[in-house]
PDB file of N, CA and C in Angstrom:
ATOM      1  N   MET A   1     168.098-143.050  87.913  1.00  0.00           N
ATOM      2  CA  MET A   1     168.471-143.185  86.885  1.00  0.00           C
ATOM      3  C   MET A   1     167.194-141.903  87.012  1.00  0.00           C
ATOM      4  N   LEU A   2     166.636-141.229  87.450  1.00  0.00           N
ATOM      5  CA  LEU A   2     166.113-140.027  87.301  1.00  0.00           C
ATOM      6  C   LEU A   2     166.856-138.613  87.674  1.00  0.00           C
ATOM      7  N   HIS A   3     167.959-139.531  88.658  1.00  0.00           N
ATOM      8  CA  HIS A   3     169.309-138.324  88.708  1.00  0.00           C
ATOM      9  C   HIS A   3     170.005-137.970  87.765  1.00  0.00           C
ATOM     10  N   ARG A   4     170.504-138.962  87.309  1.00  0.00           N
ATOM     11  CA  ARG A   4     171.240-138.752  85.870  1.00  0.00           C
ATOM     12  C   ARG A   4     170.305-138.256  84.910  1.00  0.00           C
ATOM     13  N   LEU A   5     169.013-138.133  84.694  1.00  0.00           N
ATOM     14  CA  LEU A   5     167.985-137.305  83.454  1.00  0.00           C
ATOM     15  C   LEU A   5     167.986-136.173  83.618  1.00  0.00           C
ATOM     16  N   LEU A   6     167.827-135.838  84.849  1.00  0.00           N
ATOM     17  CA  LEU A   6     168.166-134.368  85.079  1.00  0.00           C
ATOM     18  C   LEU A   6     169.244-133.914  85.274  1.00  0.00           C
ATOM     19  N   THR A   7     170.068-134.449  85.774  1.00  0.00           N
ATOM     20  CA  THR A   7     171.794-134.225  85.418  1.00  0.00           C
ATOM     21  C   THR A   7     171.876-133.549  83.792  1.00  0.00           C
ATOM     22  N   VAL A   8     172.274-134.962  83.359  1.00  0.00           N
ATOM     23  CA  VAL A   8     172.099-134.483  81.417  1.00  0.00           C
ATOM     24  C   VAL A   8     171.430-133.006  81.465  1.00  0.00           C
ATOM     25  N   LEU A   9     170.095-132.975  81.579  1.00  0.00           N
ATOM     26  CA  LEU A   9     169.525-132.380  81.124  1.00  0.00           C
ATOM     27  C   LEU A   9     169.270-130.452  81.627  1.00  0.00           C
ATOM     28  N   GLY A  10     169.781-130.595  82.794  1.00  0.00           N
ATOM     29  CA  GLY A  10     170.703-129.430  83.238  1.00  0.00           C
ATOM     30  C   GLY A  10     171.870-128.845  82.768  1.00  0.00           C
ATOM     31  N   LEU A  11     172.709-129.844  82.115  1.00  0.00           N
ATOM     32  CA  LEU A  11     173.617-129.253  81.644  1.00  0.00           C
ATOM     33  C   LEU A  11     173.755-129.238  80.219  1.00  0.00           C
ATOM     34  N   ALA A  12     172.861-129.601  79.578  1.00  0.00           N
ATOM     35  CA  ALA A  12     172.446-129.404  78.044  1.00  0.00           C
ATOM     36  C   ALA A  12     171.789-127.912  78.341  1.00  0.00           C
ATOM     37  N   ALA A  13     171.212-127.393  79.013  1.00  0.00           N
ATOM     38  CA  ALA A  13     169.945-126.283  79.775  1.00  0.00           C
ATOM     39  C   ALA A  13     170.977-125.260  79.996  1.00  0.00           C
ATOM     40  N   CYS A  14     172.214-125.604  80.538  1.00  0.00           N
ATOM     41  CA  CYS A  14     173.180-124.776  80.724  1.00  0.00           C
ATOM     42  C   CYS A  14     174.572-124.412  79.429  1.00  0.00           C
ATOM     43  N   ALA A  15     174.410-124.998  78.785  1.00  0.00           N
ATOM     44  CA  ALA A  15     175.334-125.023  77.491  1.00  0.00           C
ATOM     45  C   ALA A  15     174.170-124.734  76.375  1.00  0.00           C
ATOM     46  N   ALA A  16     173.002-124.439  76.384  1.00  0.00           N
ATOM     47  CA  ALA A  16     172.939-123.525  75.013  1.00  0.00           C
ATOM     48  C   ALA A  16     172.735-122.270  74.289  1.00  0.00           C
ATOM     49  N   PRO A  17     173.017-122.004  73.195  1.00  0.00           N
ATOM     50  CA  PRO A  17     173.291-120.855  73.151  1.00  0.00           C
ATOM     51  C   PRO A  17     172.804-119.812  73.139  1.00  0.00           C
ATOM     52  N   CYS A  18     173.535-118.399  73.736  1.00  0.00           N
ATOM     53  CA  CYS A  18     173.248-117.397  74.438  1.00  0.00           C
ATOM     54  C   CYS A  18     173.431-116.149  73.441  1.00  0.00           C
ATOM     55  N   TRP A  19     172.577-115.047  73.281  1.00  0.00           N
ATOM     56  CA  TRP A  19     172.848-114.724  71.947  1.00  0.00           C
ATOM     57  C   TRP A  19     172.838-113.386  72.489  1.00  0.00           C
ATOM     58  N   ALA A  20     173.601-112.245  71.841  1.00  0.00           N
ATOM     59  CA  ALA A  20     173.532-110.816  72.376  1.00  0.00           C
ATOM     60  C   ALA A  20     171.572-110.019  72.222  1.00  0.00           C
ATOM     61  N   VAL A  21     171.279-109.540  73.183  1.00  0.00           N
ATOM     62  CA  VAL A  21     170.179-108.599  73.173  1.00  0.00           C
ATOM     63  C   VAL A  21     170.240-107.528  72.663  1.00  0.00           C
ATOM     64  N   GLU A  22     169.300-107.266  71.667  1.00  0.00           N
ATOM     65  CA  GLU A  22     169.524-105.671  71.233  1.00  0.00           C
ATOM     66  C   GLU A  22     167.980-104.955  71.103  1.00  0.00           C
ATOM     67  N   PHE A  23     168.621-103.709  72.016  1.00  0.00           N
ATOM     68  CA  PHE A  23     167.093-102.755  72.442  1.00  0.00           C
ATOM     69  C   PHE A  23     166.921-101.887  71.424  1.00  0.00           C
ATOM     70  N   GLU A  24     165.969-101.660  70.555  1.00  0.00           N
ATOM     71  CA  GLU A  24     165.643-100.649  70.038  1.00  0.00           C
ATOM     72  C   GLU A  24     165.820 -99.126  70.566  1.00  0.00           C
ATOM     73  N   VAL A  25     166.346 -98.259  69.900  1.00  0.00           N
ATOM     74  CA  VAL A  25     165.906 -96.632  69.872  1.00  0.00           C
ATOM     75  C   VAL A  25     165.554 -95.703  71.567  1.00  0.00           C
ATOM     76  N   PRO A  26     166.520 -95.708  73.029  1.00  0.00           N
ATOM     77  CA  PRO A  26     165.644 -95.519  73.763  1.00  0.00           C
ATOM     78  C   PRO A  26     164.805 -94.032  72.780  1.00  0.00           C
ATOM     79  N   VAL A  27     163.408 -93.835  72.885  1.00  0.00           N
ATOM     80  CA  VAL A  27     162.655 -92.255  72.767  1.00  0.00           C
ATOM     81  C   VAL A  27     161.936 -91.603  73.875  1.00  0.00           C
ATOM     82  N   ARG A  28     162.208 -90.564  73.836  1.00  0.00           N
ATOM     83  CA  ARG A  28     161.768 -89.652  75.385  1.00  0.00           C
ATOM     84  C   ARG A  28     159.263 -90.223  75.101  1.00  0.00           C
ATOM     85  N   LEU A  29     159.287 -90.049  75.810  1.00  0.00           N
ATOM     86  CA  LEU A  29     157.728 -90.713  75.796  1.00  0.00           C
ATOM     87  C   LEU A  29     157.024 -88.732  76.392  1.00  0.00           C
ATOM     88  N   LYS A  30     155.658 -88.555  75.517  1.00  0.00           N
ATOM     89  CA  LYS A  30     155.329 -87.494  75.319  1.00  0.00           C
ATOM     90  C   LYS A  30     153.536 -88.132  76.440  1.00  0.00           C
ATOM     91  N   ALA A  31     153.266 -87.506  76.806  1.00  0.00           N
ATOM     92  CA  ALA A  31     151.493 -87.413  77.518  1.00  0.00           C
ATOM     93  C   ALA A  31     150.817 -85.828  77.490  1.00  0.00           C
ATOM     94  N   ASP A  32     149.618 -86.301  76.682  1.00  0.00           N
ATOM     95  CA  ASP A  32     149.654 -85.062  76.383  1.00  0.00           C
ATOM     96  C   ASP A  32     149.671 -83.417  75.946  1.00  0.00           C
ATOM     97  N   GLY A  33     150.868 -84.405  75.080  1.00  0.00           N
ATOM     98  CA  GLY A  33     151.886 -82.807  74.080  1.00  0.00           C
ATOM     99  C   GLY A  33     153.452 -82.598  74.804  1.00  0.00           C
ATOM    100  N   LYS A  34     152.995 -83.007  75.931  1.00  0.00           N
ATOM    101  CA  LYS A  34     154.713 -82.689  77.114  1.00  0.00           C
ATOM    102  C   LYS A  34     155.516 -84.010  77.300  1.00  0.00           C
ATOM    103  N   PHE A  35     156.426 -83.724  77.511  1.00  0.00           N
ATOM    104  CA  PHE A  35     157.592 -85.067  78.030  1.00  0.00           C
ATOM    105  C   PHE A  35     157.128 -85.972  79.154  1.00  0.00           C
ATOM    106  N   VAL A  36     156.995 -87.015  79.550  1.00  0.00           N
ATOM    107  CA  VAL A  36     156.611 -86.952  80.750  1.00  0.00           C
ATOM    108  C   VAL A  36     158.055 -87.215  81.648  1.00  0.00           C
ATOM    109  N   LYS A  37     157.755 -86.282  82.781  1.00  0.00           N
ATOM    110  CA  LYS A  37     158.936 -86.117  83.689  1.00  0.00           C
ATOM    111  C   LYS A  37     159.478 -86.954  84.386  1.00  0.00           C
ATOM    112  N   VAL A  38     160.523 -86.868  85.309  1.00  0.00           N
ATOM    113  CA  VAL A  38     160.512 -87.677  86.599  1.00  0.00           C
ATOM    114  C   VAL A  38     161.375 -87.268  87.357  1.00  0.00           C
ATOM    115  N   ASP A  39     160.319 -87.249  88.592  1.00  0.00           N
ATOM    116  CA  ASP A  39     160.709 -85.890  89.447  1.00  0.00           C
ATOM    117  C   ASP A  39     162.464 -86.405  90.012  1.00  0.00           C
ATOM    118  N   ALA A  40     162.989 -85.471  90.404  1.00  0.00           N
ATOM    119  CA  ALA A  40     164.625 -85.038  91.099  1.00  0.00           C
ATOM    120  C   ALA A  40     164.412 -86.377  92.527  1.00  0.00           C
ATOM    121  N   PRO A  41     164.901 -86.823  92.917  1.00  0.00           N
ATOM    122  CA  PRO A  41     166.212 -87.225  92.479  1.00  0.00           C
ATOM    123  C   PRO A  41     166.078 -88.288  91.191  1.00  0.00           C
ATOM    124  N   GLY A  42     165.060 -89.139  90.825  1.00  0.00           N
ATOM    125  CA  GLY A  42     165.306 -89.965  89.557  1.00  0.00           C
ATOM    126  C   GLY A  42     165.054 -91.339  89.883  1.00  0.00           C
ATOM    127  N   TYR A  43     165.452 -91.132  91.079  1.00  0.00           N
ATOM    128  CA  TYR A  43     164.728 -92.896  91.718  1.00  0.00           C
ATOM    129  C   TYR A  43     163.268 -93.182  91.650  1.00  0.00           C
ATOM    130  N   ALA A  44     162.711 -93.361  89.877  1.00  0.00           N
ATOM    131  CA  ALA A  44     161.652 -93.760  89.778  1.00  0.00           C
ATOM    132  C   ALA A  44     161.516 -95.018  89.163  1.00  0.00           C
ATOM    133  N   CYS A  45     161.007 -96.405  89.070  1.00  0.00           N
ATOM    134  CA  CYS A  45     160.618 -96.929  88.742  1.00  0.00           C
ATOM    135  C   CYS A  45     159.179 -97.672  87.790  1.00  0.00           C
ATOM    136  N   PRO A  46     159.099 -96.896  86.368  1.00  0.00           N
ATOM    137  CA  PRO A  46     157.938 -96.768  85.436  1.00  0.00           C
ATOM    138  C   PRO A  46     157.781 -98.224  85.316  1.00  0.00           C
ATOM    139  N   ALA A  47     156.661 -98.464  85.774  1.00  0.00           N
ATOM    140  CA  ALA A  47     155.196-100.002  85.281  1.00  0.00           C
ATOM    141  C   ALA A  47     154.281 -99.380  84.619  1.00  0.00           C
ATOM    142  N   TRP A  48     153.589-101.048  83.756  1.00  0.00           N
ATOM    143  CA  TRP A  48     152.088-100.725  83.157  1.00  0.00           C
ATOM    144  C   TRP A  48     151.340-101.398  84.540  1.00  0.00           C
ATOM    145  N   ALA A  49     150.743-101.081  84.344  1.00  0.00           N
ATOM    146  CA  ALA A  49     149.599-102.027  85.479  1.00  0.00           C
ATOM    147  C   ALA A  49     148.137-101.516  84.282  1.00  0.00           C
ATOM    148  N   ASP A  50     147.004-102.622  84.693  1.00  0.00           N
ATOM    149  CA  ASP A  50     145.795-101.578  83.834  1.00  0.00           C
ATOM    150  C   ASP A  50     144.755-101.234  84.972  1.00  0.00           C
ATOM    151  N   LEU A  51     144.695 -99.873  85.398  1.00  0.00           N
ATOM    152  CA  LEU A  51     144.361 -99.367  87.026  1.00  0.00           C
ATOM    153  C   LEU A  51     142.777 -99.452  86.529  1.00  0.00           C
ATOM    154  N   ASP A  52     142.128 -99.428  85.595  1.00  0.00           N
ATOM    155  CA  ASP A  52     140.511 -99.431  85.370  1.00  0.00           C
ATOM    156  C   ASP A  52     139.745-100.219  84.648  1.00  0.00           C
ATOM    157  N   GLY A  53     140.604-101.346  84.893  1.00  0.00           N
ATOM    158  CA  GLY A  53     140.203-102.827  84.245  1.00  0.00           C
ATOM    159  C   GLY A  53     139.592-102.511  82.968  1.00  0.00           C
ATOM    160  N   ARG A  54     140.098-101.519  82.402  1.00  0.00           N
ATOM    161  CA  ARG A  54     139.713-101.648  80.696  1.00  0.00           C
ATOM    162  C   ARG A  54     140.655-102.101  79.822  1.00  0.00           C
ATOM    163  N   GLY A  55     141.562-103.986  80.192  1.00  0.00           N
ATOM    164  CA  GLY A  55     141.795-104.252  79.377  1.00  0.00           C
ATOM    165  C   GLY A  55     143.509-103.790  78.633  1.00  0.00           C
ATOM    166  N   LYS A  56     143.561-102.817  78.772  1.00  0.00           N
ATOM    167  CA  LYS A  56     144.766-101.776  78.408  1.00  0.00           C
ATOM    168  C   LYS A  56     145.809-101.004  79.893  1.00  0.00           C
ATOM    169  N   PRO A  57     147.141-101.195  79.745  1.00  0.00           N
ATOM    170  CA  PRO A  57     147.625-101.025  80.565  1.00  0.00           C
ATOM    171  C   PRO A  57     148.414 -99.018  80.769  1.00  0.00           C
ATOM    172  N   SER A  58     148.198 -99.032  81.708  1.00  0.00           N
ATOM    173  CA  SER A  58     148.927 -97.161  81.958  1.00  0.00           C
ATOM    174  C   SER A  58     150.125 -97.466  82.583  1.00  0.00           C
ATOM    175  N   LEU A  59     150.888 -96.004  81.999  1.00  0.00           N
ATOM    176  CA  LEU A  59     151.918 -96.405  82.059  1.00  0.00           C
ATOM    177  C   LEU A  59     151.905 -95.888  83.649  1.00  0.00           C
ATOM    178  N   VAL A  60     152.597 -96.119  84.784  1.00  0.00           N
ATOM    179  CA  VAL A  60     153.171 -95.338  86.286  1.00  0.00           C
ATOM    180  C   VAL A  60     153.840 -95.409  86.420  1.00  0.00           C
ATOM    181  N   VAL A  61     154.577 -94.108  87.431  1.00  0.00           N
ATOM    182  CA  VAL A  61     156.076 -93.273  87.277  1.00  0.00           C
ATOM    183  C   VAL A  61     155.949 -93.188  88.308  1.00  0.00           C
ATOM    184  N   GLY A  62     156.491 -93.357  89.670  1.00  0.00           N
ATOM    185  CA  GLY A  62     157.193 -93.058  90.773  1.00  0.00           C
ATOM    186  C   GLY A  62     157.545 -91.276  90.739  1.00  0.00           C
ATOM    187  N   GLN A  63     157.185 -91.555  92.025  1.00  0.00           N
ATOM    188  CA  GLN A  63     158.628 -89.418  92.713  1.00  0.00           C
ATOM    189  C   GLN A  63     158.602 -90.261  93.747  1.00  0.00           C
ATOM    190  N   PHE A  64     160.186 -90.410  93.663  1.00  0.00           N
ATOM    191  CA  PHE A  64     161.196 -90.732  95.009  1.00  0.00           C
ATOM    192  C   PHE A  64     160.578 -89.822  96.168  1.00  0.00           C
ATOM    193  N   ALA A  65     160.966 -88.734  96.199  1.00  0.00           N
ATOM    194  CA  ALA A  65     161.026 -88.039  97.614  1.00  0.00           C
ATOM    195  C   ALA A  65     159.839 -87.983  98.591  1.00  0.00           C
ATOM    196  N   GLY A  66     158.472 -87.690  97.638  1.00  0.00           N
ATOM    197  CA  GLY A  66     156.805 -87.483  97.880  1.00  0.00           C
ATOM    198  C   GLY A  66     156.356 -89.125  97.790  1.00  0.00           C
ATOM    199  N   GLY A  67     156.599 -89.490  97.046  1.00  0.00           N
ATOM    200  CA  GLY A  67     156.235 -91.027  97.561  1.00  0.00           C
ATOM    201  C   GLY A  67     154.923 -92.110  96.591  1.00  0.00           C
ATOM    202  N   LYS A  68     154.299 -90.365  95.767  1.00  0.00           N
ATOM    203  CA  LYS A  68     153.492 -90.694  95.051  1.00  0.00           C
ATOM    204  C   LYS A  68     153.814 -90.908  94.008  1.00  0.00           C
ATOM    205  N   MET A  69     152.394 -91.406  93.213  1.00  0.00           N
ATOM    206  CA  MET A  69     152.313 -92.566  91.661  1.00  0.00           C
ATOM    207  C   MET A  69     151.235 -91.561  90.867  1.00  0.00           C
ATOM    208  N   LYS A  70     151.906 -90.758  89.583  1.00  0.00           N
ATOM    209  CA  LYS A  70     151.394 -90.605  88.144  1.00  0.00           C
ATOM    210  C   LYS A  70     150.806 -91.882  87.189  1.00  0.00           C
ATOM    211  N   ALA A  71     150.137 -91.779  87.114  1.00  0.00           N
ATOM    212  CA  ALA A  71     149.810 -92.442  86.380  1.00  0.00           C
ATOM    213  C   ALA A  71     149.130 -91.886  84.865  1.00  0.00           C
ATOM    214  N   TYR A  72     149.766 -92.349  83.342  1.00  0.00           N
ATOM    215  CA  TYR A  72     149.440 -92.083  82.324  1.00  0.00           C
ATOM    216  C   TYR A  72     148.742 -93.405  81.514  1.00  0.00           C
ATOM    217  N   LYS A  73     147.324 -92.978  80.362  1.00  0.00           N
ATOM    218  CA  LYS A  73     146.493 -93.051  80.226  1.00  0.00           C
ATOM    219  C   LYS A  73     147.055 -93.773  78.806  1.00  0.00           C
ATOM    220  N   TYR A  74     147.771 -95.278  78.192  1.00  0.00           N
ATOM    221  CA  TYR A  74     147.639 -95.580  77.445  1.00  0.00           C
ATOM    222  C   TYR A  74     146.738 -95.245  76.246  1.00  0.00           C
ATOM    223  N   LEU A  75     147.008 -95.037  75.391  1.00  0.00           N
ATOM    224  CA  LEU A  75     145.840 -94.327  74.228  1.00  0.00           C
ATOM    225  C   LEU A  75     146.345 -95.062  72.792  1.00  0.00           C
ATOM    226  N   GLY A  76     146.955 -96.083  72.735  1.00  0.00           N
ATOM    227  CA  GLY A  76     147.522 -96.100  71.756  1.00  0.00           C
ATOM    228  C   GLY A  76     148.713 -95.470  70.281  1.00  0.00           C
ATOM    229  N   ASP A  77     149.339 -96.322  69.879  1.00  0.00           N
ATOM    230  CA  ASP A  77     150.421 -95.732  68.906  1.00  0.00           C
ATOM    231  C   ASP A  77     151.226 -95.016  69.732  1.00  0.00           C
ATOM    232  N   LEU A  78     152.580 -95.430  71.122  1.00  0.00           N
ATOM    233  CA  LEU A  78     153.096 -94.841  71.399  1.00  0.00           C
ATOM    234  C   LEU A  78     152.442 -92.836  71.930  1.00  0.00           C
ATOM    235  N   LYS A  79     150.913 -92.837  72.674  1.00  0.00           N
ATOM    236  CA  LYS A  79     150.828 -91.891  72.721  1.00  0.00           C
ATOM    237  C   LYS A  79     149.541 -91.738  73.943  1.00  0.00           C
ATOM    238  N   PHE A  80     150.157 -91.149  74.848  1.00  0.00           N
ATOM    239  CA  PHE A  80     149.310 -91.141  76.394  1.00  0.00           C
ATOM    240  C   PHE A  80     148.487 -90.144  76.593  1.00  0.00           C
ATOM    241  N   ALA A  81     147.679 -90.306  77.882  1.00  0.00           N
ATOM    242  CA  ALA A  81     146.716 -89.093  78.155  1.00  0.00           C
ATOM    243  C   ALA A  81     147.721 -87.894  79.783  1.00  0.00           C
ATOM    244  N   ALA A  82     146.931 -86.966  79.599  1.00  0.00           N
ATOM    245  CA  ALA A  82     147.726 -86.498  80.541  1.00  0.00           C
ATOM    246  C   ALA A  82     148.260 -87.180  81.751  1.00  0.00           C
ATOM    247  N   GLY A  83     148.988 -87.160  82.636  1.00  0.00           N
ATOM    248  CA  GLY A  83     149.065 -87.651  83.451  1.00  0.00           C
ATOM    249  C   GLY A  83     147.768 -87.556  84.827  1.00  0.00           C
ATOM    250  N   GLU A  84     147.962 -88.245  85.857  1.00  0.00           N
ATOM    251  CA  GLU A  84     147.018 -87.982  86.635  1.00  0.00           C
ATOM    252  C   GLU A  84     147.537 -88.547  88.031  1.00  0.00           C
ATOM    253  N   TRP A  85     147.715 -88.226  89.635  1.00  0.00           N
ATOM    254  CA  TRP A  85     148.145 -88.924  90.287  1.00  0.00           C
ATOM    255  C   TRP A  85     147.239 -89.792  91.181  1.00  0.00           C
ATOM    256  N   LEU A  86     147.989 -90.826  91.690  1.00  0.00           N
ATOM    257  CA  LEU A  86     147.371 -91.859  91.461  1.00  0.00           C
ATOM    258  C   LEU A  86     145.889 -91.259  93.411  1.00  0.00           C
ATOM    259  N   THR A  87     145.051 -91.892  93.497  1.00  0.00           N
ATOM    260  CA  THR A  87     144.599 -90.705  94.639  1.00  0.00           C
ATOM    261  C   THR A  87     143.279 -92.241  95.546  1.00  0.00           C
ATOM    262  N   THR A  88     143.994 -91.992  96.343  1.00  0.00           N
ATOM    263  CA  THR A  88     142.658 -92.259  97.702  1.00  0.00           C
ATOM    264  C   THR A  88     142.040 -91.573  98.343  1.00  0.00           C
ATOM    265  N   GLY A  89     141.234 -91.730  98.027  1.00  0.00           N
ATOM    266  CA  GLY A  89     139.569 -90.345  98.114  1.00  0.00           C
ATOM    267  C   GLY A  89     139.434 -89.234  97.606  1.00  0.00           C
ATOM    268  N   ALA A  90     140.286 -88.227  97.984  1.00  0.00           N
ATOM    269  CA  ALA A  90     140.629 -87.024  97.697  1.00  0.00           C
ATOM    270  C   ALA A  90     141.676 -86.495  97.035  1.00  0.00           C
ATOM    271  N   LYS A  91     142.399 -87.454  98.054  1.00  0.00           N
ATOM    272  CA  LYS A  91     143.720 -87.078  97.788  1.00  0.00           C
ATOM    273  C   LYS A  91     145.385 -87.615  97.378  1.00  0.00           C
ATOM    274  N   PRO A  92     146.174 -87.492  97.128  1.00  0.00           N
ATOM    275  CA  PRO A  92     147.561 -88.688  96.267  1.00  0.00           C
ATOM    276  C   PRO A  92     147.717 -89.248  97.389  1.00  0.00           C
ATOM    277  N   ALA A  93     147.407 -91.189  96.862  1.00  0.00           N
ATOM    278  CA  ALA A  93     148.261 -91.340  97.937  1.00  0.00           C
ATOM    279  C   ALA A  93     149.486 -92.333  97.755  1.00  0.00           C
ATOM    280  N   GLU A  94     149.769 -91.918  98.612  1.00  0.00           N
ATOM    281  CA  GLU A  94     151.560 -92.314  99.052  1.00  0.00           C
ATOM    282  C   GLU A  94     151.694 -93.674  99.569  1.00  0.00           C
ATOM    283  N   VAL A  95     152.949 -93.294  99.274  1.00  0.00           N
ATOM    284  CA  VAL A  95     153.731 -95.169  99.635  1.00  0.00           C
ATOM    285  C   VAL A  95     155.142 -94.022 100.283  1.00  0.00           C
ATOM    286  N   PRO A  96     155.179 -94.700 101.307  1.00  0.00           N
ATOM    287  CA  PRO A  96     156.400 -94.466 102.549  1.00  0.00           C
ATOM    288  C   PRO A  96     157.589 -94.648 101.789  1.00  0.00           C
ATOM    289  N   GLY A  97     159.079 -93.780 101.900  1.00  0.00           N
ATOM    290  CA  GLY A  97     160.129 -94.104 101.851  1.00  0.00           C
ATOM    291  C   GLY A  97     160.948 -94.561 102.775  1.00  0.00           C
ATOM    292  N   VAL A  98     161.732 -95.282 102.659  1.00  0.00           N
ATOM    293  CA  VAL A  98     162.747 -95.350 103.384  1.00  0.00           C
ATOM    294  C   VAL A  98     163.787 -94.702 104.219  1.00  0.00           C
ATOM    295  N   TRP A  99     163.755 -93.810 103.286  1.00  0.00           N
ATOM    296  CA  TRP A  99     164.967 -92.573 104.481  1.00  0.00           C
ATOM    297  C   TRP A  99     164.624 -91.675 104.978  1.00  0.00           C
TER     298      TRP A  99
END
């Protein structure tokens, strides 16, 4: 009986209607009046993270070649503070690449 119920629920979930997703028009983000840049070759994966525990996320952008990450504090209303390298002590933190 349980097996039949799970089968029916699974089929119903798979048959649920799917709608097309629409995205907003892309915008170039600025930090401290300058465009947020991604270093060449551009294989960065931007992410949001609360780095300082203030309850607001910062935009974190990785650097492919050197393995460093730059954080831009979110000020609200699509405004960001100037980017700062994430550090370990006095020098920028680095994530070693696989290349």
